[in-house]
């Protein structure tokens, strides 16, 4: 049984609140879990200390037992000093895709044609 430390959604519609839980990897997101190790309230400001409440001792015990955190929870654990999160870099993500390149090329061609037509003929 592989264990995950992940978020389980609670709260109401458009007012999310998450519990940080230990669950079997095959269990549904909001389904059966083994233990609750904290809470996350995204409605609070990023500087608010009540935004993430984490029981570091419990989380550390589960990490020693082999529980793997999800990406979001890994950020919380890194901030708490339990695990080190490696910075990610995806230089391909920011590059324009095929359709945008085609549109830019068409716009450049149209601007060149307009400039050519506007130039005085001698």
N, C-alpha and C. Protein backbone atom coordinates (compact mmCIF):
# COMPACT_ATOMS: atom_id res chain seq x y z
N UNK A 1 0.85 -1.17 0.00
CA UNK A 1 0.00 0.00 0.00
C UNK A 1 0.90 1.24 0.00
N UNK A 2 0.79 2.06 -1.05
CA UNK A 2 1.57 3.29 -1.10
C UNK A 2 0.76 4.42 -0.49
N UNK A 3 1.41 5.20 0.35
CA UNK A 3 0.73 6.27 1.06
C UNK A 3 1.06 7.62 0.44
N UNK A 4 0.09 8.51 0.46
CA UNK A 4 0.26 9.86 -0.06
C UNK A 4 -0.12 10.85 1.04
N UNK A 5 0.61 11.94 1.08
CA UNK A 5 0.20 13.08 1.90
C UNK A 5 -0.39 14.06 0.90
N UNK A 6 -1.69 14.30 0.99
CA UNK A 6 -2.35 15.12 -0.01
C UNK A 6 -3.47 15.95 0.58
N UNK A 7 -4.08 16.77 -0.27
CA UNK A 7 -5.17 17.63 0.16
C UNK A 7 -6.50 16.93 -0.09
N UNK A 8 -7.41 17.08 0.87
CA UNK A 8 -8.77 16.57 0.73
C UNK A 8 -9.69 17.76 0.86
N UNK A 9 -10.50 18.01 -0.15
CA UNK A 9 -11.32 19.22 -0.17
C UNK A 9 -12.50 19.13 0.78
N UNK A 10 -12.73 20.22 1.45
CA UNK A 10 -13.90 20.38 2.32
C UNK A 10 -14.44 21.78 2.02
N UNK A 11 -15.31 22.29 2.85
CA UNK A 11 -15.85 23.62 2.62
C UNK A 11 -17.05 23.56 1.70
N UNK A 12 -17.49 24.72 1.26
CA UNK A 12 -18.68 24.79 0.43
C UNK A 12 -18.31 25.26 -0.97
N UNK A 13 -19.32 25.38 -1.80
CA UNK A 13 -19.12 25.83 -3.17
C UNK A 13 -18.50 27.23 -3.17
N UNK A 14 -17.43 27.38 -3.91
CA UNK A 14 -16.68 28.63 -4.04
C UNK A 14 -16.03 29.11 -2.75
N UNK A 15 -15.99 28.28 -1.72
CA UNK A 15 -15.32 28.59 -0.46
C UNK A 15 -14.49 27.39 -0.04
N UNK A 16 -13.41 27.10 -0.77
CA UNK A 16 -12.66 25.87 -0.49
C UNK A 16 -11.92 25.90 0.83
N UNK A 17 -11.76 24.73 1.39
CA UNK A 17 -10.99 24.50 2.60
C UNK A 17 -10.45 23.10 2.45
N UNK A 18 -9.19 22.89 2.73
CA UNK A 18 -8.58 21.59 2.53
C UNK A 18 -8.02 21.02 3.82
N UNK A 19 -8.16 19.72 3.98
CA UNK A 19 -7.49 19.01 5.07
C UNK A 19 -6.26 18.36 4.45
N UNK A 20 -5.14 18.40 5.15
CA UNK A 20 -3.94 17.71 4.70
C UNK A 20 -3.99 16.33 5.34
N UNK A 21 -4.15 15.30 4.51
CA UNK A 21 -4.39 13.96 5.02
C UNK A 21 -3.36 12.96 4.52
N UNK A 22 -3.28 11.85 5.24
CA UNK A 22 -2.51 10.69 4.81
C UNK A 22 -3.54 9.71 4.26
N UNK A 23 -3.37 9.29 3.02
CA UNK A 23 -4.35 8.39 2.41
C UNK A 23 -3.63 7.39 1.52
N UNK A 24 -4.32 6.29 1.27
CA UNK A 24 -3.83 5.32 0.30
C UNK A 24 -3.89 5.99 -1.07
N UNK A 25 -2.91 5.75 -1.90
CA UNK A 25 -2.84 6.41 -3.21
C UNK A 25 -4.05 6.08 -4.08
N UNK A 26 -4.66 4.92 -3.87
CA UNK A 26 -5.80 4.52 -4.69
C UNK A 26 -7.12 5.08 -4.18
N UNK A 27 -7.14 5.67 -2.99
CA UNK A 27 -8.38 6.19 -2.42
C UNK A 27 -8.78 7.47 -3.15
N UNK A 28 -10.09 7.74 -3.23
CA UNK A 28 -10.53 8.98 -3.89
C UNK A 28 -10.09 10.23 -3.13
N UNK A 29 -10.06 11.36 -3.82
CA UNK A 29 -9.56 12.60 -3.23
C UNK A 29 -10.25 12.95 -1.91
N UNK A 30 -11.56 12.90 -1.88
CA UNK A 30 -12.30 13.28 -0.68
C UNK A 30 -12.79 12.05 0.08
N UNK A 31 -12.26 10.89 -0.25
CA UNK A 31 -12.73 9.65 0.35
C UNK A 31 -11.98 9.25 1.59
N UNK A 32 -11.81 7.96 1.73
CA UNK A 32 -11.20 7.37 2.91
C UNK A 32 -9.76 7.84 3.10
N UNK A 33 -9.42 8.17 4.35
CA UNK A 33 -8.05 8.57 4.67
C UNK A 33 -7.64 7.92 5.98
N UNK A 34 -6.35 7.94 6.28
CA UNK A 34 -5.81 7.28 7.46
C UNK A 34 -5.66 8.25 8.62
N UNK A 35 -5.13 9.43 8.34
CA UNK A 35 -4.85 10.39 9.41
C UNK A 35 -4.90 11.81 8.85
N UNK A 36 -5.24 12.78 9.70
CA UNK A 36 -5.22 14.19 9.33
C UNK A 36 -3.99 14.83 9.97
N UNK A 37 -3.17 15.49 9.17
CA UNK A 37 -1.95 16.11 9.71
C UNK A 37 -1.98 17.63 9.62
N UNK A 38 -3.03 18.20 9.07
CA UNK A 38 -3.09 19.65 9.01
C UNK A 38 -4.26 20.15 8.20
N UNK A 39 -4.25 21.45 7.92
CA UNK A 39 -5.32 22.09 7.17
C UNK A 39 -4.75 23.22 6.33
N UNK A 40 -5.45 23.55 5.25
CA UNK A 40 -5.04 24.61 4.34
C UNK A 40 -6.28 25.40 3.96
N UNK A 41 -6.24 26.71 4.21
CA UNK A 41 -7.36 27.58 3.88
C UNK A 41 -6.90 28.60 2.84
N UNK A 42 -7.15 28.35 1.54
CA UNK A 42 -6.68 29.25 0.50
C UNK A 42 -7.41 30.59 0.47
N UNK A 43 -8.50 30.73 1.24
CA UNK A 43 -9.25 31.97 1.27
C UNK A 43 -8.53 33.04 2.08
N UNK A 44 -7.60 32.64 2.92
CA UNK A 44 -6.85 33.60 3.72
C UNK A 44 -5.68 34.15 2.92
N UNK A 45 -5.16 35.28 3.33
CA UNK A 45 -4.03 35.91 2.64
C UNK A 45 -2.77 35.06 2.73
N UNK A 46 -1.88 35.26 1.79
CA UNK A 46 -0.66 34.45 1.74
C UNK A 46 0.25 34.69 2.94
N UNK A 47 0.14 35.84 3.57
CA UNK A 47 0.99 36.12 4.72
C UNK A 47 0.34 35.70 6.04
N UNK A 48 -0.91 35.29 6.00
CA UNK A 48 -1.62 34.88 7.21
C UNK A 48 -1.06 33.56 7.72
N UNK A 49 -0.71 33.51 9.00
CA UNK A 49 -0.12 32.29 9.55
C UNK A 49 -1.14 31.17 9.72
N UNK A 50 -2.44 31.47 9.68
CA UNK A 50 -3.47 30.44 9.80
C UNK A 50 -3.82 29.81 8.45
N UNK A 51 -3.20 30.31 7.37
CA UNK A 51 -3.48 29.76 6.03
C UNK A 51 -3.10 28.28 5.96
N UNK A 52 -1.93 27.92 6.47
CA UNK A 52 -1.49 26.52 6.51
C UNK A 52 -1.20 26.16 7.96
N UNK A 53 -1.94 25.17 8.45
CA UNK A 53 -1.70 24.66 9.80
C UNK A 53 -1.25 23.22 9.64
N UNK A 54 -0.04 22.93 10.08
CA UNK A 54 0.55 21.62 9.86
C UNK A 54 1.13 21.08 11.16
N UNK A 55 0.78 19.84 11.48
CA UNK A 55 1.37 19.17 12.65
C UNK A 55 2.67 18.54 12.16
N UNK A 56 3.77 19.23 12.40
CA UNK A 56 5.07 18.81 11.87
C UNK A 56 5.50 17.45 12.40
N UNK A 57 5.19 17.16 13.65
CA UNK A 57 5.59 15.88 14.25
C UNK A 57 4.89 14.72 13.54
N UNK A 58 3.58 14.85 13.35
CA UNK A 58 2.82 13.78 12.66
C UNK A 58 3.30 13.62 11.23
N UNK A 59 3.47 14.74 10.54
CA UNK A 59 3.91 14.68 9.14
C UNK A 59 5.28 14.03 9.04
N UNK A 60 6.18 14.37 9.95
CA UNK A 60 7.52 13.77 9.95
C UNK A 60 7.48 12.28 10.16
N UNK A 61 6.60 11.82 11.07
CA UNK A 61 6.45 10.37 11.31
C UNK A 61 5.98 9.65 10.05
N UNK A 62 5.00 10.25 9.35
CA UNK A 62 4.47 9.62 8.15
C UNK A 62 5.51 9.63 7.02
N UNK A 63 6.31 10.67 6.97
CA UNK A 63 7.37 10.71 5.94
C UNK A 63 8.38 9.60 6.20
N UNK A 64 8.69 9.34 7.47
CA UNK A 64 9.62 8.25 7.81
C UNK A 64 9.04 6.89 7.45
N UNK A 65 7.71 6.78 7.48
CA UNK A 65 7.05 5.52 7.11
C UNK A 65 6.93 5.35 5.60
N UNK A 66 7.32 6.38 4.85
CA UNK A 66 7.34 6.25 3.40
C UNK A 66 6.23 6.97 2.65
N UNK A 67 5.47 7.82 3.31
CA UNK A 67 4.41 8.56 2.63
C UNK A 67 5.02 9.59 1.69
N UNK A 68 4.48 9.69 0.49
CA UNK A 68 4.98 10.62 -0.52
C UNK A 68 4.03 11.82 -0.64
N UNK A 69 4.55 13.04 -0.48
CA UNK A 69 3.68 14.21 -0.60
C UNK A 69 3.39 14.57 -2.06
N UNK A 70 2.24 15.19 -2.28
CA UNK A 70 1.93 15.73 -3.60
C UNK A 70 2.70 17.03 -3.76
N UNK A 71 2.67 17.61 -4.95
CA UNK A 71 3.43 18.83 -5.23
C UNK A 71 3.04 19.97 -4.29
N UNK A 72 1.75 20.21 -4.11
CA UNK A 72 1.29 21.30 -3.27
C UNK A 72 1.69 21.08 -1.82
N UNK A 73 1.51 19.87 -1.33
CA UNK A 73 1.86 19.57 0.06
C UNK A 73 3.38 19.66 0.24
N UNK A 74 4.14 19.30 -0.78
CA UNK A 74 5.59 19.40 -0.70
C UNK A 74 6.02 20.86 -0.46
N UNK A 75 5.29 21.80 -1.04
CA UNK A 75 5.56 23.22 -0.80
C UNK A 75 5.37 23.56 0.68
N UNK A 76 4.30 23.04 1.27
CA UNK A 76 4.03 23.30 2.69
C UNK A 76 5.12 22.67 3.56
N UNK A 77 5.51 21.45 3.22
CA UNK A 77 6.54 20.76 4.01
C UNK A 77 7.89 21.46 3.88
N UNK A 78 8.18 21.98 2.71
CA UNK A 78 9.42 22.72 2.50
C UNK A 78 9.43 23.98 3.36
N UNK A 79 8.31 24.68 3.39
CA UNK A 79 8.22 25.90 4.19
C UNK A 79 8.35 25.59 5.68
N UNK A 80 7.85 24.41 6.09
CA UNK A 80 7.95 23.99 7.50
C UNK A 80 9.33 23.43 7.82
N UNK A 81 10.14 23.17 6.80
CA UNK A 81 11.50 22.67 7.01
C UNK A 81 11.60 21.17 7.14
N UNK A 82 10.57 20.42 6.73
CA UNK A 82 10.60 18.96 6.84
C UNK A 82 11.24 18.29 5.63
N UNK A 83 11.00 18.82 4.46
CA UNK A 83 11.56 18.27 3.21
C UNK A 83 12.10 19.41 2.36
N UNK A 84 12.99 19.08 1.44
CA UNK A 84 13.53 20.08 0.52
C UNK A 84 12.85 19.92 -0.83
N UNK A 85 12.30 21.01 -1.34
CA UNK A 85 11.64 21.00 -2.64
C UNK A 85 12.60 21.58 -3.67
N UNK A 86 12.83 20.84 -4.73
CA UNK A 86 13.69 21.30 -5.81
C UNK A 86 12.90 22.28 -6.69
N UNK A 87 13.51 23.38 -7.05
CA UNK A 87 12.87 24.35 -7.93
C UNK A 87 12.71 23.73 -9.31
N UNK A 88 11.59 24.01 -9.92
CA UNK A 88 11.32 23.45 -11.25
C UNK A 88 11.48 24.52 -12.30
N UNK A 89 11.84 24.11 -13.50
CA UNK A 89 11.99 25.03 -14.60
C UNK A 89 11.50 24.36 -15.87
N UNK A 90 10.57 25.00 -16.55
CA UNK A 90 10.07 24.48 -17.81
C UNK A 90 10.17 25.59 -18.85
N UNK A 91 11.34 25.73 -19.50
CA UNK A 91 11.51 26.83 -20.45
C UNK A 91 10.60 26.71 -21.67
N UNK A 92 10.09 25.54 -21.97
CA UNK A 92 9.21 25.36 -23.13
C UNK A 92 7.83 25.93 -22.88
N UNK A 93 7.41 26.04 -21.62
CA UNK A 93 6.05 26.47 -21.30
C UNK A 93 5.77 27.89 -21.77
N UNK A 94 6.75 28.77 -21.68
CA UNK A 94 6.53 30.16 -22.03
C UNK A 94 6.62 30.47 -23.51
N UNK A 95 7.04 29.53 -24.31
CA UNK A 95 7.20 29.77 -25.75
C UNK A 95 5.84 29.78 -26.44
N UNK A 96 5.67 30.65 -27.45
CA UNK A 96 4.40 30.67 -28.18
C UNK A 96 4.19 29.38 -28.98
N UNK A 97 2.92 28.98 -29.08
CA UNK A 97 2.58 27.75 -29.78
C UNK A 97 2.38 28.01 -31.27
N UNK A 98 2.03 26.98 -32.00
CA UNK A 98 1.95 27.00 -33.46
C UNK A 98 0.96 28.05 -33.97
N UNK A 99 -0.26 28.10 -33.41
CA UNK A 99 -1.27 29.03 -33.92
C UNK A 99 -0.86 30.48 -33.72
N UNK A 100 -0.27 30.77 -32.55
CA UNK A 100 0.16 32.14 -32.30
C UNK A 100 1.26 32.55 -33.26
N UNK A 101 2.20 31.64 -33.53
CA UNK A 101 3.26 31.94 -34.48
C UNK A 101 2.69 32.21 -35.87
N UNK A 102 1.67 31.43 -36.27
CA UNK A 102 1.03 31.64 -37.57
C UNK A 102 0.35 33.00 -37.62
N UNK A 103 -0.37 33.37 -36.53
CA UNK A 103 -1.05 34.66 -36.48
C UNK A 103 -0.05 35.81 -36.53
N UNK A 104 1.05 35.69 -35.82
CA UNK A 104 2.07 36.75 -35.82
C UNK A 104 2.70 36.90 -37.20
N UNK A 105 2.92 35.77 -37.87
CA UNK A 105 3.50 35.81 -39.21
C UNK A 105 2.52 36.47 -40.19
N UNK A 106 1.24 36.13 -40.08
CA UNK A 106 0.22 36.73 -40.95
C UNK A 106 0.12 38.23 -40.69
N UNK A 107 0.18 38.64 -39.43
CA UNK A 107 0.11 40.07 -39.10
C UNK A 107 1.33 40.80 -39.64
N UNK A 108 2.51 40.19 -39.55
CA UNK A 108 3.72 40.82 -40.06
C UNK A 108 3.66 40.95 -41.58
N UNK A 109 3.14 39.92 -42.27
CA UNK A 109 2.99 39.97 -43.72
C UNK A 109 2.02 41.07 -44.13
N UNK A 110 0.90 41.19 -43.38
CA UNK A 110 -0.09 42.22 -43.68
C UNK A 110 0.49 43.61 -43.46
N UNK A 111 1.27 43.78 -42.41
CA UNK A 111 1.89 45.08 -42.13
C UNK A 111 2.91 45.42 -43.21
N UNK A 112 3.65 44.44 -43.68
CA UNK A 112 4.64 44.67 -44.75
C UNK A 112 3.94 45.09 -46.05
N UNK A 113 2.81 44.42 -46.35
CA UNK A 113 2.06 44.76 -47.55
C UNK A 113 1.49 46.16 -47.47
N UNK A 114 0.97 46.51 -46.29
CA UNK A 114 0.41 47.86 -46.10
C UNK A 114 1.50 48.92 -46.22
N UNK A 115 2.66 48.65 -45.69
CA UNK A 115 3.78 49.60 -45.78
C UNK A 115 4.22 49.76 -47.23
N UNK A 116 4.21 48.66 -47.95
CA UNK A 116 4.61 48.68 -49.37
C UNK A 116 3.60 49.47 -50.20
N UNK A 117 2.31 49.31 -49.88
CA UNK A 117 1.26 50.01 -50.62
C UNK A 117 1.26 51.49 -50.26
N UNK A 118 1.62 51.83 -49.04
CA UNK A 118 1.61 53.24 -48.60
C UNK A 118 2.85 54.00 -49.08
N UNK A 119 3.89 53.29 -49.46
CA UNK A 119 5.12 53.95 -49.91
C UNK A 119 4.85 54.68 -51.21
N UNK A 120 5.38 55.92 -51.35
CA UNK A 120 5.15 56.68 -52.59
C UNK A 120 5.83 56.00 -53.79
N UNK A 121 5.09 55.97 -54.85
CA UNK A 121 5.65 55.31 -56.03
C UNK A 121 6.36 56.34 -56.91
N UNK A 122 7.57 56.02 -57.32
CA UNK A 122 8.35 56.98 -58.12
C UNK A 122 8.42 56.56 -59.55
